[in-house]
């Protein structure tokens, strides 16, 4: 996305059309469009040619060529690509580079908060036994972003209380999961709020809502709407702002974060 923004700014500053830029690299206008929207990796040779065509200075050339190399680098989940659905890959990549993730989950404890046994029980419901341990290990590895150095991910979760009353596997698994959340809440970069049951009606599709903010200034926030076997990524500014408003409304209607340990302790006592 950083590369896309830089290429578009240089082209427009030079007064060059997408059609002429495409001719310079022997491509199509749609290819330039994809490059400028950050929807494709960019070959260093193509970027080098465009930078020359746009009259980029040495600093711009160095920065954008370095970014071009990163766009074709293998993502962290590459070795497990056969178990990572295409529709979640963009989000998983963004999550590992984000400075802030805010998520609302109406049905289950979100992946970044899941204890190992809870994750195993959920995964066992959906996948063959032969795949379970590999998928559990992948989910645990994903959680390392909360312990990333020097800047761990800041995670803010609004969790529908129903998710904690929905028994997964058995009382022992649920007790371990609730205790796990209590421990995570002690981290300065993790905030969890418990929302009243049934609050999900405010969210489009009544499903999970996740918002991602990046450390680089000028990068647009990502909205990730996970569905059963797909996901939506709204990109229009008005849509992004609307989903932030929805999340902020959920925050005001959920119990404040300082109440979370007490609420979890009460639920824990019932298991």
Protein backbone atom coordinates (compact mmCIF):
# COMPACT_ATOMS: atom_id res chain seq x y z
CA UNK A 1 0.00 0.00 0.00
CA UNK A 2 2.90 2.36 0.71
CA UNK A 3 4.42 1.53 -2.66
CA UNK A 4 1.05 1.98 -4.35
CA UNK A 5 0.59 5.41 -2.82
CA UNK A 6 4.11 6.47 -3.83
CA UNK A 7 3.79 5.29 -7.44
CA UNK A 8 0.46 6.99 -7.92
CA UNK A 9 1.71 10.27 -6.43
CA UNK A 10 4.78 10.29 -8.69
CA UNK A 11 2.75 9.50 -11.81
CA UNK A 12 0.16 12.18 -11.13
CA UNK A 13 2.85 14.71 -10.23
CA UNK A 14 4.54 14.02 -13.57
CA UNK A 15 1.23 14.43 -15.40
CA UNK A 16 1.43 10.96 -16.93
CA UNK A 17 -1.67 8.91 -17.71
CA UNK A 18 -2.10 5.29 -16.65
CA UNK A 19 -2.16 4.34 -20.32
CA UNK A 20 1.25 5.91 -20.99
CA UNK A 21 2.69 4.40 -17.81
CA UNK A 22 1.45 0.99 -18.92
CA UNK A 23 3.17 1.37 -22.29
CA UNK A 24 6.46 2.09 -20.52
CA UNK A 25 6.43 -1.37 -18.90
CA UNK A 26 4.65 -3.20 -21.72
CA UNK A 27 1.58 -3.76 -19.60
CA UNK A 28 -2.02 -2.61 -19.43
CA UNK A 29 -3.78 0.30 -17.75
CA UNK A 30 -5.49 -2.19 -15.44
CA UNK A 31 -2.08 -3.46 -14.30
CA UNK A 32 -1.04 0.09 -13.36
CA UNK A 33 -4.37 0.40 -11.57
CA UNK A 34 -3.73 -2.75 -9.54
CA UNK A 35 -0.22 -1.57 -8.69
CA UNK A 36 -1.56 1.79 -7.51
CA UNK A 37 -4.23 0.16 -5.36
CA UNK A 38 -1.77 -2.22 -3.67
CA UNK A 39 -3.61 -5.25 -5.03
CA UNK A 40 -0.61 -6.98 -6.56
CA UNK A 41 3.08 -7.53 -5.99
CA UNK A 42 5.33 -5.34 -8.12
CA UNK A 43 8.36 -6.60 -10.02
CA UNK A 44 11.41 -4.49 -9.20
CA UNK A 45 12.14 -4.11 -12.91
CA UNK A 46 8.71 -2.62 -13.59
CA UNK A 47 9.04 -0.23 -10.66
CA UNK A 48 12.53 0.80 -11.75
CA UNK A 49 11.27 1.56 -15.27
CA UNK A 50 8.32 3.57 -13.94
CA UNK A 51 10.50 5.55 -11.55
CA UNK A 52 12.76 6.56 -14.43
CA UNK A 53 9.74 7.43 -16.57
CA UNK A 54 8.27 9.53 -13.73
CA UNK A 55 11.55 11.35 -13.05
CA UNK A 56 11.90 10.12 -9.46
CA UNK A 57 14.86 11.44 -7.48
CA UNK A 58 17.44 9.21 -5.78
CA UNK A 59 15.68 9.14 -2.39
CA UNK A 60 12.32 8.25 -3.94
CA UNK A 61 13.97 5.57 -6.06
CA UNK A 62 15.74 3.97 -3.09
CA UNK A 63 12.61 3.94 -0.92
CA UNK A 64 10.21 2.63 -3.54
CA UNK A 65 12.55 -0.03 -4.90
CA UNK A 66 13.02 -1.33 -1.35
CA UNK A 67 9.23 -1.49 -0.96
CA UNK A 68 8.91 -3.27 -4.30
CA UNK A 69 11.19 -6.03 -3.04
CA UNK A 70 8.98 -6.45 0.01
CA UNK A 71 5.80 -6.83 -2.07
CA UNK A 72 7.14 -10.02 -3.62
CA UNK A 73 8.60 -11.42 -0.40
CA UNK A 74 6.92 -14.49 1.04
CA UNK A 75 4.41 -13.67 3.82
CA UNK A 76 4.87 -15.16 7.28
CA UNK A 77 2.12 -17.73 6.65
CA UNK A 78 3.61 -18.94 3.34
CA UNK A 79 4.72 -22.36 4.62
CA UNK A 80 1.15 -23.01 5.76
CA UNK A 81 -0.51 -21.55 2.69
CA UNK A 82 -2.38 -24.79 2.02
CA UNK A 83 -4.40 -24.35 5.22
CA UNK A 84 -4.85 -20.57 4.97
CA UNK A 85 -7.95 -19.61 2.92
CA UNK A 86 -7.38 -16.94 0.28
CA UNK A 87 -9.94 -14.59 1.78
CA UNK A 88 -8.12 -14.31 5.15
CA UNK A 89 -4.56 -13.89 3.84
CA UNK A 90 -4.69 -10.11 3.45
CA UNK A 91 -5.92 -9.75 7.02
CA UNK A 92 -3.33 -12.12 8.50
CA UNK A 93 -0.56 -10.19 6.75
CA UNK A 94 -1.96 -6.87 7.96
CA UNK A 95 -2.36 -8.13 11.54
CA UNK A 96 1.35 -8.87 11.84
CA UNK A 97 2.38 -5.34 10.77
CA UNK A 98 -0.43 -3.37 12.45
CA UNK A 99 -0.02 -1.11 15.46
CA UNK A 100 -3.67 -1.47 16.53
CA UNK A 101 -6.37 -4.09 16.01
CA UNK A 102 -9.86 -3.59 17.34
CA UNK A 103 -12.27 -6.48 17.02
CA UNK A 104 -15.81 -7.38 18.00
CA UNK A 105 -16.70 -11.06 18.24
CA UNK A 106 -20.31 -12.18 18.82
CA UNK A 107 -19.97 -15.98 18.94
CA UNK A 108 -16.53 -17.23 19.96
CA UNK A 109 -13.40 -15.99 21.70
CA UNK A 110 -11.33 -14.36 18.91
CA UNK A 111 -8.24 -16.18 17.68
CA UNK A 112 -5.72 -13.82 19.28
CA UNK A 113 -7.24 -14.50 22.72
CA UNK A 114 -7.79 -18.24 22.41
CA UNK A 115 -6.17 -20.64 24.85
CA UNK A 116 -4.65 -23.72 23.24
CA UNK A 117 -7.30 -26.20 24.38
CA UNK A 118 -10.15 -23.90 23.37
CA UNK A 119 -8.59 -23.43 19.93
CA UNK A 120 -8.10 -27.18 19.58
CA UNK A 121 -11.74 -27.87 20.42
CA UNK A 122 -13.01 -25.32 17.88
CA UNK A 123 -10.67 -26.54 15.14
CA UNK A 124 -11.61 -30.17 15.79
CA UNK A 125 -15.23 -29.27 14.97
CA UNK A 126 -14.30 -28.10 11.48
CA UNK A 127 -11.29 -30.06 10.24
CA UNK A 128 -10.04 -33.66 9.98
CA UNK A 129 -8.14 -34.96 12.99
CA UNK A 130 -4.96 -35.23 10.94
CA UNK A 131 -4.93 -31.42 10.47
CA UNK A 132 -5.86 -30.37 13.99
CA UNK A 133 -2.46 -30.07 15.65
CA UNK A 134 -0.94 -28.21 12.72
CA UNK A 135 -3.79 -25.71 12.72
CA UNK A 136 -3.55 -25.25 16.49
CA UNK A 137 0.19 -24.58 16.23
CA UNK A 138 -0.47 -22.04 13.47
CA UNK A 139 -2.99 -20.20 15.63
CA UNK A 140 -0.63 -20.12 18.59
CA UNK A 141 2.15 -18.79 16.35
CA UNK A 142 -0.15 -16.05 15.12
CA UNK A 143 -0.56 -14.85 18.72
CA UNK A 144 3.14 -13.99 18.99
CA UNK A 145 2.25 -10.56 17.64
CA UNK A 146 0.97 -9.71 21.13
CA UNK A 147 4.51 -10.29 22.44
CA UNK A 148 6.30 -8.70 19.48
CA UNK A 149 9.39 -6.66 20.30
CA UNK A 150 9.94 -3.79 20.54
CA UNK A 151 6.32 -2.81 19.80
CA UNK A 152 3.68 -5.47 20.49
CA UNK A 153 0.33 -5.21 18.77
CA UNK A 154 -2.24 -3.17 20.68
CA UNK A 155 -5.38 -5.30 20.79
CA UNK A 156 -8.82 -4.07 21.85
CA UNK A 157 -11.59 -6.68 21.96
CA UNK A 158 -15.29 -6.26 22.57
CA UNK A 159 -16.64 -9.74 23.28
CA UNK A 160 -20.33 -10.61 23.38
CA UNK A 161 -20.96 -12.31 26.72
CA UNK A 162 -22.73 -15.16 24.90
CA UNK A 163 -19.37 -16.37 23.60
CA UNK A 164 -18.32 -17.17 27.16
CA UNK A 165 -21.54 -19.00 27.97
CA UNK A 166 -21.31 -21.15 24.84
CA UNK A 167 -19.64 -24.34 26.10
CA UNK A 168 -16.72 -25.43 23.92
CA UNK A 169 -15.51 -28.96 24.72
CA UNK A 170 -16.32 -28.89 28.43
CA UNK A 171 -16.07 -27.00 31.75
CA UNK A 172 -12.30 -27.52 32.07
CA UNK A 173 -11.66 -25.99 28.64
CA UNK A 174 -13.90 -23.03 29.38
CA UNK A 175 -12.27 -22.42 32.77
CA UNK A 176 -8.83 -22.46 31.16
CA UNK A 177 -10.02 -20.07 28.46
CA UNK A 178 -11.50 -17.57 30.89
CA UNK A 179 -8.37 -17.67 33.04
CA UNK A 180 -6.31 -17.10 29.90
CA UNK A 181 -8.27 -13.94 29.09
CA UNK A 182 -7.86 -12.70 32.66
CA UNK A 183 -4.09 -13.11 32.35
CA UNK A 184 -3.97 -11.40 28.95
CA UNK A 185 -5.89 -8.43 30.35
CA UNK A 186 -2.93 -7.77 32.63
CA UNK A 187 -0.85 -6.87 29.57
CA UNK A 188 -0.73 -3.12 28.86
CA UNK A 189 -1.34 -3.75 25.15
CA UNK A 190 -4.50 -5.87 25.59
CA UNK A 191 -7.94 -4.47 26.43
CA UNK A 192 -11.04 -6.65 26.66
CA UNK A 193 -14.60 -5.48 27.24
CA UNK A 194 -17.59 -7.75 27.80
CA UNK A 195 -20.74 -6.68 25.97
CA UNK A 196 -24.34 -7.55 26.90
CA UNK A 197 -25.74 -10.61 25.20
CA UNK A 198 -27.20 -10.01 21.77
CA UNK A 199 -25.41 -6.72 21.09
CA UNK A 200 -24.26 -8.01 17.68
CA UNK A 201 -27.32 -6.57 15.93
CA UNK A 202 -25.39 -3.34 15.48
CA UNK A 203 -22.80 -5.00 13.24
CA UNK A 204 -23.34 -5.56 9.54
CA UNK A 205 -24.29 -9.18 8.98
CA UNK A 206 -24.29 -9.82 12.75
CA UNK A 207 -20.77 -11.24 12.39
CA UNK A 208 -17.29 -10.34 13.61
CA UNK A 209 -15.95 -6.86 12.92
CA UNK A 210 -12.22 -6.12 12.87
CA UNK A 211 -10.47 -2.79 12.32
CA UNK A 212 -6.75 -2.54 11.61
CA UNK A 213 -4.60 0.59 11.94
CA UNK A 214 -1.05 0.69 10.58
CA UNK A 215 1.97 2.50 12.04
CA UNK A 216 2.73 4.31 8.76
CA UNK A 217 1.03 7.69 8.51
CA UNK A 218 -1.20 8.11 5.51
CA UNK A 219 -2.12 4.44 5.19
CA UNK A 220 -5.85 3.85 5.18
CA UNK A 221 -7.29 1.67 7.96
CA UNK A 222 -8.39 -1.83 7.02
CA UNK A 223 -11.87 -3.16 7.75
CA UNK A 224 -12.18 -6.95 7.86
CA UNK A 225 -15.64 -8.51 8.01
CA UNK A 226 -15.28 -12.27 8.44
CA UNK A 227 -18.11 -14.48 7.26
CA UNK A 228 -18.64 -18.27 7.24
CA UNK A 229 -16.50 -19.04 4.20
CA UNK A 230 -15.49 -15.60 2.97
CA UNK A 231 -14.67 -12.06 4.06
CA UNK A 232 -15.42 -8.51 2.98
CA UNK A 233 -12.86 -5.70 2.96
CA UNK A 234 -14.72 -2.38 2.55
CA UNK A 235 -12.34 0.27 1.20
CA UNK A 236 -14.40 3.42 0.72
CA UNK A 237 -13.59 6.05 3.31
CA UNK A 238 -17.24 6.48 4.27
CA UNK A 239 -17.58 2.74 4.89
CA UNK A 240 -14.43 2.65 7.00
CA UNK A 241 -15.61 5.59 9.08
CA UNK A 242 -19.02 3.95 9.54
CA UNK A 243 -17.48 0.76 10.87
CA UNK A 244 -15.29 2.74 13.27
CA UNK A 245 -18.44 4.46 14.50
CA UNK A 246 -20.10 1.07 15.01
CA UNK A 247 -17.15 -0.20 17.02
CA UNK A 248 -16.98 2.95 19.13
CA UNK A 249 -20.68 2.53 19.86
CA UNK A 250 -20.06 -1.05 20.99
CA UNK A 251 -17.30 0.22 23.27
CA UNK A 252 -19.69 2.63 24.99
CA UNK A 253 -22.38 -0.03 25.43
CA UNK A 254 -20.05 -2.75 26.75
CA UNK A 255 -18.92 -2.89 30.36
CA UNK A 256 -15.80 -0.76 30.95
CA UNK A 257 -12.44 -2.60 30.79
CA UNK A 258 -11.83 -2.30 34.52
CA UNK A 259 -14.96 -4.42 35.09
CA UNK A 260 -13.75 -7.25 32.87
CA UNK A 261 -11.85 -9.28 35.53
CA UNK A 262 -14.89 -9.19 37.82
CA UNK A 263 -17.29 -10.26 35.06
CA UNK A 264 -14.96 -13.07 34.02
CA UNK A 265 -14.58 -14.21 37.63
CA UNK A 266 -18.37 -14.45 37.98
CA UNK A 267 -18.64 -16.50 34.77
CA UNK A 268 -15.70 -18.66 35.84
CA UNK A 269 -17.52 -19.57 39.05
CA UNK A 270 -20.36 -21.14 37.05
CA UNK A 271 -18.01 -23.59 35.34
